[in-house]
């Protein structure tokens, strides 16, 4: 009985650890979407505050050429300026450092066109 009581007391503490990574929550343009008009900037929202000096993103066209003009982290967002984008498919690769010093990275694509 004593072991059961200790286990029940410890159970609520098991779920109280903070999430230790900044994961992509959503993006504009949306992940996997097709947009009719080319964006001038991409915005990526994350689940934690970002460390601006160590957070970045690159945007490449179908041939692999970079079309981004730099990224800027602010709070939980990463803003990525892009060159004028003709119709086509673009791949975004991001790498961020959350303020708790954990790095995460990932990628997604979107399409410009009809």
Protein backbone atom coordinates (compact mmCIF):
# COMPACT_ATOMS: atom_id res chain seq x y z
CA UNK A 1 0.00 0.00 0.00
CA UNK A 2 2.83 2.35 0.83
CA UNK A 3 4.36 1.89 -2.66
CA UNK A 4 1.02 2.68 -4.28
CA UNK A 5 0.68 5.85 -2.22
CA UNK A 6 4.20 7.00 -3.16
CA UNK A 7 3.52 6.28 -6.81
CA UNK A 8 0.31 8.32 -6.71
CA UNK A 9 2.09 11.23 -5.06
CA UNK A 10 4.90 11.18 -7.64
CA UNK A 11 2.57 10.92 -10.66
CA UNK A 12 1.58 14.62 -10.83
CA UNK A 13 5.25 15.61 -10.80
CA UNK A 14 6.05 13.48 -13.86
CA UNK A 15 4.23 15.81 -16.24
CA UNK A 16 5.58 19.10 -15.00
CA UNK A 17 8.87 19.20 -16.93
CA UNK A 18 8.98 22.02 -19.44
CA UNK A 19 9.16 21.33 -23.15
CA UNK A 20 12.82 21.81 -23.99
CA UNK A 21 12.80 22.45 -27.72
CA UNK A 22 11.42 25.04 -30.12
CA UNK A 23 9.30 23.20 -32.68
CA UNK A 24 7.64 24.70 -35.74
CA UNK A 25 4.02 25.42 -34.85
CA UNK A 26 2.87 26.87 -38.17
CA UNK A 27 4.09 29.00 -41.06
CA UNK A 28 2.93 31.53 -43.62
CA UNK A 29 2.70 30.42 -46.35
CA UNK A 30 1.33 27.25 -44.78
CA UNK A 31 3.38 24.08 -44.89
CA UNK A 32 2.64 22.23 -48.15
CA UNK A 33 0.31 24.92 -49.45
CA UNK A 34 -0.04 26.54 -52.88
CA UNK A 35 -0.34 30.32 -52.94
CA UNK A 36 -1.49 32.32 -55.97
CA UNK A 37 0.72 35.33 -55.35
CA UNK A 38 4.32 35.15 -54.21
CA UNK A 39 4.99 36.26 -50.64
CA UNK A 40 7.62 38.91 -49.96
CA UNK A 41 8.34 37.39 -46.57
CA UNK A 42 7.82 34.06 -44.88
CA UNK A 43 6.92 33.89 -41.20
CA UNK A 44 7.54 30.79 -39.11
CA UNK A 45 6.00 30.48 -35.63
CA UNK A 46 7.69 28.28 -33.01
CA UNK A 47 6.65 26.82 -29.67
CA UNK A 48 9.34 28.65 -27.67
CA UNK A 49 11.27 31.90 -27.68
CA UNK A 50 14.17 31.89 -30.15
CA UNK A 51 17.78 32.99 -29.69
CA UNK A 52 18.14 35.53 -32.56
CA UNK A 53 21.89 35.13 -33.07
CA UNK A 54 21.64 31.38 -33.65
CA UNK A 55 18.37 30.99 -35.57
CA UNK A 56 18.23 30.95 -39.36
CA UNK A 57 16.38 29.75 -42.44
CA UNK A 58 17.11 29.27 -46.12
CA UNK A 59 14.65 29.16 -48.99
CA UNK A 60 15.62 27.39 -52.23
CA UNK A 61 13.89 27.01 -55.56
CA UNK A 62 13.49 23.73 -57.47
CA UNK A 63 17.00 24.03 -58.93
CA UNK A 64 18.51 24.51 -55.47
CA UNK A 65 19.30 28.22 -55.86
CA UNK A 66 18.81 30.33 -52.74
CA UNK A 67 16.00 32.85 -52.99
CA UNK A 68 16.00 34.15 -49.40
CA UNK A 69 17.50 37.46 -48.36
CA UNK A 70 18.15 36.65 -44.72
CA UNK A 71 16.19 35.68 -41.65
CA UNK A 72 15.43 37.56 -38.45
CA UNK A 73 14.22 35.97 -35.23
CA UNK A 74 11.95 37.96 -32.96
CA UNK A 75 10.34 36.33 -29.95
CA UNK A 76 8.76 33.08 -31.11
CA UNK A 77 8.81 34.03 -34.80
CA UNK A 78 11.36 33.75 -37.58
CA UNK A 79 10.87 36.20 -40.47
CA UNK A 80 12.51 35.32 -43.79
CA UNK A 81 12.71 37.92 -46.55
CA UNK A 82 12.64 36.48 -50.08
CA UNK A 83 13.43 37.73 -53.57
CA UNK A 84 10.53 38.04 -56.03
CA UNK A 85 9.39 34.45 -56.55
CA UNK A 86 8.21 33.21 -59.94
CA UNK A 87 5.76 30.30 -60.06
CA UNK A 88 7.32 27.10 -58.78
CA UNK A 89 8.04 24.98 -55.73
CA UNK A 90 10.18 26.27 -52.87
CA UNK A 91 11.81 24.44 -49.99
CA UNK A 92 12.35 26.12 -46.62
CA UNK A 93 14.99 24.72 -44.29
CA UNK A 94 15.08 26.18 -40.77
CA UNK A 95 17.42 25.73 -37.83
CA UNK A 96 16.66 27.47 -34.54
CA UNK A 97 18.07 27.66 -31.05
CA UNK A 98 15.53 28.14 -28.30
CA UNK A 99 16.42 30.36 -25.35
CA UNK A 100 16.90 27.22 -23.25
CA UNK A 101 19.85 26.25 -25.56
CA UNK A 102 18.25 23.37 -27.48
CA UNK A 103 18.61 23.34 -31.28
CA UNK A 104 15.99 21.97 -33.66
CA UNK A 105 15.74 21.98 -37.42
CA UNK A 106 13.40 20.95 -40.15
CA UNK A 107 12.10 21.74 -43.60
CA UNK A 108 8.91 22.11 -45.57
CA UNK A 109 7.86 23.22 -49.01
CA UNK A 110 5.24 25.44 -50.57
CA UNK A 111 4.29 26.30 -54.11
CA UNK A 112 3.63 29.58 -55.92
CA UNK A 113 1.21 29.31 -58.83
CA UNK A 114 -2.32 28.46 -59.86
